[in-house]
């Protein structure tokens, strides 16, 4: 659809089942209105509930606590303000609790220490009976406190894929506790994977501080790739 009139060029919204908007070139576009699907899967419901809880907690904070989180955001290099930093931190831990993956205390007070870097990833050989297919890597905790590492693999891709573009395999997600200054091997096994193909892994660490508070420090996502192995 093309319209040259200034009346239609500024048209927005829905009329008779057609939604009018503009693209990045300021051209008017009309699309049929479609009701979005809402599968209400258990994972989706857990994530939605976690976000709603985080927003509700933030809304109940007073001005001083808002400022504490804004200040903490500046110290960590987070550029989107204390509100979004708190919501992503709180919602992530609440999501894990909702799924029964861990029972960590919820962050309310902002941590005063931010660890960077948090851990090191190294390749490792897959264990298991002959014919086992999967990916394996070693997590080295280089901090003086124990960390819980949330990890989640993607679906498999061919060897030509060097960047991640979804989706994640939510069913294979896990939480691994790595003691201070130690290493743990983590493996994801899927017999449907093809040896030699590429799987991306998303990791996010969080560590409990004993001083100056008992809050959680949540690190930024790290996404790296692994080649599918098969044991012999």
Protein backbone atom coordinates (compact mmCIF):
# COMPACT_ATOMS: atom_id res chain seq x y z
CA UNK A 1 0.00 0.00 0.00
CA UNK A 2 1.30 3.45 -0.87
CA UNK A 3 -0.24 6.75 0.19
CA UNK A 4 1.01 10.21 -0.74
CA UNK A 5 -1.58 12.29 1.10
CA UNK A 6 -0.27 13.91 4.29
CA UNK A 7 -3.42 12.70 6.03
CA UNK A 8 -2.62 9.05 5.42
CA UNK A 9 1.11 9.52 5.82
CA UNK A 10 0.58 10.25 9.52
CA UNK A 11 -2.00 7.51 10.03
CA UNK A 12 -1.48 5.14 13.00
CA UNK A 13 -3.56 2.52 14.75
CA UNK A 14 -6.18 -0.05 13.70
CA UNK A 15 -9.06 0.60 11.29
CA UNK A 16 -11.44 -2.14 10.07
CA UNK A 17 -9.02 -4.94 10.85
CA UNK A 18 -5.96 -3.22 9.35
CA UNK A 19 -3.11 -1.96 11.56
CA UNK A 20 -1.30 1.09 10.16
CA UNK A 21 2.27 1.90 11.14
CA UNK A 22 5.50 3.20 9.61
CA UNK A 23 8.81 1.49 8.86
CA UNK A 24 12.31 2.89 9.41
CA UNK A 25 12.01 4.82 6.15
CA UNK A 26 8.82 6.56 7.33
CA UNK A 27 6.75 4.69 4.72
CA UNK A 28 3.17 3.89 5.69
CA UNK A 29 2.50 0.16 6.07
CA UNK A 30 -0.82 -1.61 6.54
CA UNK A 31 -1.05 -5.12 8.02
CA UNK A 32 -3.98 -7.35 8.87
CA UNK A 33 -4.72 -7.36 12.59
CA UNK A 34 -3.92 -10.75 14.16
CA UNK A 35 -4.59 -11.71 17.77
CA UNK A 36 -1.22 -12.77 19.29
CA UNK A 37 -0.96 -16.34 20.51
CA UNK A 38 -0.40 -17.01 24.19
CA UNK A 39 0.68 -20.63 24.71
CA UNK A 40 0.86 -20.23 28.52
CA UNK A 41 3.55 -22.89 28.76
CA UNK A 42 4.92 -23.62 32.25
CA UNK A 43 8.22 -21.90 31.39
CA UNK A 44 6.40 -18.83 30.05
CA UNK A 45 4.17 -18.62 33.13
CA UNK A 46 7.18 -18.94 35.45
CA UNK A 47 9.03 -16.17 33.63
CA UNK A 48 5.97 -13.90 33.60
CA UNK A 49 5.32 -14.41 37.31
CA UNK A 50 8.96 -13.70 38.11
CA UNK A 51 8.88 -10.40 36.19
CA UNK A 52 5.59 -9.38 37.80
CA UNK A 53 7.04 -10.07 41.25
CA UNK A 54 10.14 -8.03 40.48
CA UNK A 55 8.12 -5.03 39.27
CA UNK A 56 5.87 -5.20 42.34
CA UNK A 57 8.86 -5.23 44.71
CA UNK A 58 10.50 -2.31 42.92
CA UNK A 59 7.26 -0.30 43.07
CA UNK A 60 7.19 -0.76 46.84
CA UNK A 61 10.72 0.58 47.35
CA UNK A 62 11.16 4.08 48.75
CA UNK A 63 13.21 6.81 47.07
CA UNK A 64 16.35 5.98 49.06
CA UNK A 65 16.36 2.34 47.94
CA UNK A 66 15.78 3.40 44.34
CA UNK A 67 18.86 5.61 44.64
CA UNK A 68 20.93 2.75 46.10
CA UNK A 69 20.17 0.62 43.03
CA UNK A 70 20.83 3.55 40.69
CA UNK A 71 24.23 4.06 42.33
CA UNK A 72 25.00 0.34 42.12
CA UNK A 73 24.11 0.33 38.42
CA UNK A 74 26.71 3.04 37.81
CA UNK A 75 29.45 1.07 39.61
CA UNK A 76 28.78 -2.06 37.51
CA UNK A 77 28.75 -0.24 34.18
CA UNK A 78 25.05 -0.97 33.66
CA UNK A 79 23.73 1.96 31.62
CA UNK A 80 19.97 1.36 31.86
CA UNK A 81 19.40 2.49 35.43
CA UNK A 82 18.81 0.83 38.77
CA UNK A 83 15.20 -0.16 38.04
CA UNK A 84 16.04 -2.49 35.15
CA UNK A 85 19.13 -3.83 36.91
CA UNK A 86 17.05 -4.75 39.97
CA UNK A 87 14.27 -6.31 37.88
CA UNK A 88 16.64 -8.48 35.83
CA UNK A 89 18.49 -9.56 38.98
CA UNK A 90 15.42 -10.30 41.10
CA UNK A 91 13.40 -11.86 38.28
CA UNK A 92 16.22 -14.19 37.25
CA UNK A 93 16.62 -15.66 40.74
CA UNK A 94 12.84 -15.81 41.25
CA UNK A 95 12.54 -17.67 37.93
CA UNK A 96 15.00 -20.31 39.14
CA UNK A 97 13.09 -20.66 42.40
CA UNK A 98 9.78 -20.98 40.50
CA UNK A 99 11.28 -23.81 38.46
CA UNK A 100 12.70 -25.53 41.54
CA UNK A 101 16.28 -25.17 40.32
CA UNK A 102 17.53 -23.43 43.44
CA UNK A 103 16.39 -21.76 46.64
CA UNK A 104 18.63 -18.71 46.93
CA UNK A 105 17.65 -15.70 49.03
CA UNK A 106 16.11 -12.92 47.00
CA UNK A 107 18.13 -9.78 46.34
CA UNK A 108 16.63 -6.65 47.86
CA UNK A 109 19.64 -4.63 48.93
CA UNK A 110 22.10 -3.97 46.11
CA UNK A 111 25.47 -5.73 46.53
CA UNK A 112 28.37 -3.36 47.06
CA UNK A 113 30.85 -5.66 45.31
CA UNK A 114 30.63 -6.66 41.67
CA UNK A 115 32.89 -9.49 40.52
CA UNK A 116 34.45 -9.21 37.08
CA UNK A 117 35.54 -11.55 35.69
CA UNK A 118 33.62 -14.32 37.45
CA UNK A 119 34.83 -17.55 35.89
CA UNK A 120 36.81 -19.16 33.07
CA UNK A 121 35.49 -21.71 30.55
CA UNK A 122 37.72 -24.44 29.06
CA UNK A 123 37.03 -27.32 26.67
CA UNK A 124 36.71 -30.81 28.19
CA UNK A 125 36.23 -34.40 27.00
CA UNK A 126 32.70 -35.81 27.22
CA UNK A 127 32.25 -38.71 29.67
CA UNK A 128 29.75 -41.55 29.58
CA UNK A 129 29.23 -44.90 27.86
CA UNK A 130 30.42 -45.37 24.27
CA UNK A 131 28.13 -43.63 21.83
CA UNK A 132 27.09 -40.86 24.23
CA UNK A 133 26.54 -37.56 22.41
CA UNK A 134 26.79 -34.14 23.96
CA UNK A 135 29.02 -31.22 24.89
CA UNK A 136 31.38 -30.84 27.85
CA UNK A 137 33.35 -27.96 29.34
CA UNK A 138 35.12 -27.06 32.56
CA UNK A 139 34.06 -24.09 34.69
CA UNK A 140 36.83 -22.54 36.81
CA UNK A 141 35.65 -20.27 39.61
CA UNK A 142 38.32 -17.60 40.03
CA UNK A 143 36.56 -15.80 42.89
CA UNK A 144 37.05 -16.33 46.66
CA UNK A 145 33.39 -17.30 47.18
CA UNK A 146 31.26 -20.18 45.88
CA UNK A 147 29.20 -19.48 42.79
CA UNK A 148 26.07 -21.08 41.37
CA UNK A 149 26.31 -21.29 37.60
CA UNK A 150 23.08 -21.30 35.61
CA UNK A 151 23.72 -22.91 32.21
CA UNK A 152 21.45 -23.56 29.26
CA UNK A 153 22.32 -25.05 25.84
CA UNK A 154 20.82 -24.11 22.51
CA UNK A 155 19.49 -26.42 19.86
CA UNK A 156 22.26 -27.71 17.59
CA UNK A 157 23.51 -25.88 14.50
CA UNK A 158 25.82 -26.77 11.64
CA UNK A 159 29.52 -26.03 11.87
CA UNK A 160 29.16 -22.89 9.74
CA UNK A 161 27.15 -21.11 12.48
CA UNK A 162 29.48 -18.90 14.51
CA UNK A 163 26.85 -16.79 16.26
CA UNK A 164 23.80 -17.65 18.32
CA UNK A 165 20.32 -16.87 17.03
CA UNK A 166 18.06 -18.98 19.26
CA UNK A 167 16.33 -20.92 20.47
CA UNK A 168 17.53 -22.24 23.82
CA UNK A 169 16.78 -25.81 24.92
CA UNK A 170 15.04 -24.96 28.19
CA UNK A 171 14.58 -28.60 29.20
CA UNK A 172 18.37 -29.08 29.54
CA UNK A 173 19.08 -26.07 31.76
CA UNK A 174 20.90 -26.68 35.04
CA UNK A 175 22.47 -25.01 38.06
CA UNK A 176 25.94 -26.12 39.19
CA UNK A 177 27.61 -25.00 42.41
CA UNK A 178 31.34 -24.33 42.00
CA UNK A 179 33.32 -23.82 45.21
CA UNK A 180 35.73 -20.93 45.59
CA UNK A 181 38.89 -21.24 43.49
CA UNK A 182 37.91 -24.70 42.16
CA UNK A 183 36.67 -26.20 38.88
CA UNK A 184 33.71 -28.35 37.89
CA UNK A 185 32.95 -30.16 34.64
CA UNK A 186 29.50 -29.57 33.16
CA UNK A 187 27.97 -31.71 30.41
CA UNK A 188 24.81 -31.58 28.35
CA UNK A 189 23.83 -34.87 26.67
CA UNK A 190 21.36 -35.24 23.80
CA UNK A 191 21.42 -38.40 21.69
CA UNK A 192 19.63 -36.53 18.89
CA UNK A 193 22.60 -34.20 18.38
CA UNK A 194 24.98 -34.86 15.50
CA UNK A 195 28.71 -35.17 16.32
CA UNK A 196 30.64 -32.25 14.87
CA UNK A 197 27.72 -29.84 14.96
CA UNK A 198 27.79 -26.70 17.10
CA UNK A 199 25.82 -25.99 20.29
CA UNK A 200 25.78 -22.61 22.02
CA UNK A 201 25.72 -22.37 25.81
CA UNK A 202 24.44 -19.45 27.87
CA UNK A 203 25.85 -19.09 31.37
CA UNK A 204 25.03 -16.69 34.16
CA UNK A 205 26.73 -16.88 37.56
CA UNK A 206 25.45 -15.64 40.89
CA UNK A 207 27.33 -15.66 44.19
CA UNK A 208 26.27 -15.04 47.77
CA UNK A 209 28.30 -12.49 49.69
CA UNK A 210 28.98 -12.89 53.40
CA UNK A 211 30.21 -9.33 53.68
CA UNK A 212 29.21 -6.57 53.44
CA UNK A 213 25.77 -8.16 53.00
CA UNK A 214 24.19 -11.51 52.20
CA UNK A 215 22.74 -10.52 48.85
CA UNK A 216 23.36 -12.14 45.49
CA UNK A 217 25.76 -10.86 42.84
CA UNK A 218 24.41 -11.77 39.42
CA UNK A 219 26.78 -11.64 36.48
CA UNK A 220 26.04 -10.81 32.88
CA UNK A 221 25.24 -13.63 30.46
CA UNK A 222 28.19 -15.29 28.76
CA UNK A 223 27.41 -17.09 25.49
CA UNK A 224 29.97 -19.45 24.00
CA UNK A 225 29.89 -22.40 21.60
CA UNK A 226 30.87 -26.08 21.91
CA UNK A 227 31.26 -28.82 19.31
CA UNK A 228 29.09 -31.92 19.81
CA UNK A 229 31.21 -34.91 20.84
CA UNK A 230 30.53 -38.66 20.78
CA UNK A 231 32.30 -40.96 23.21
CA UNK A 232 34.12 -44.04 21.93
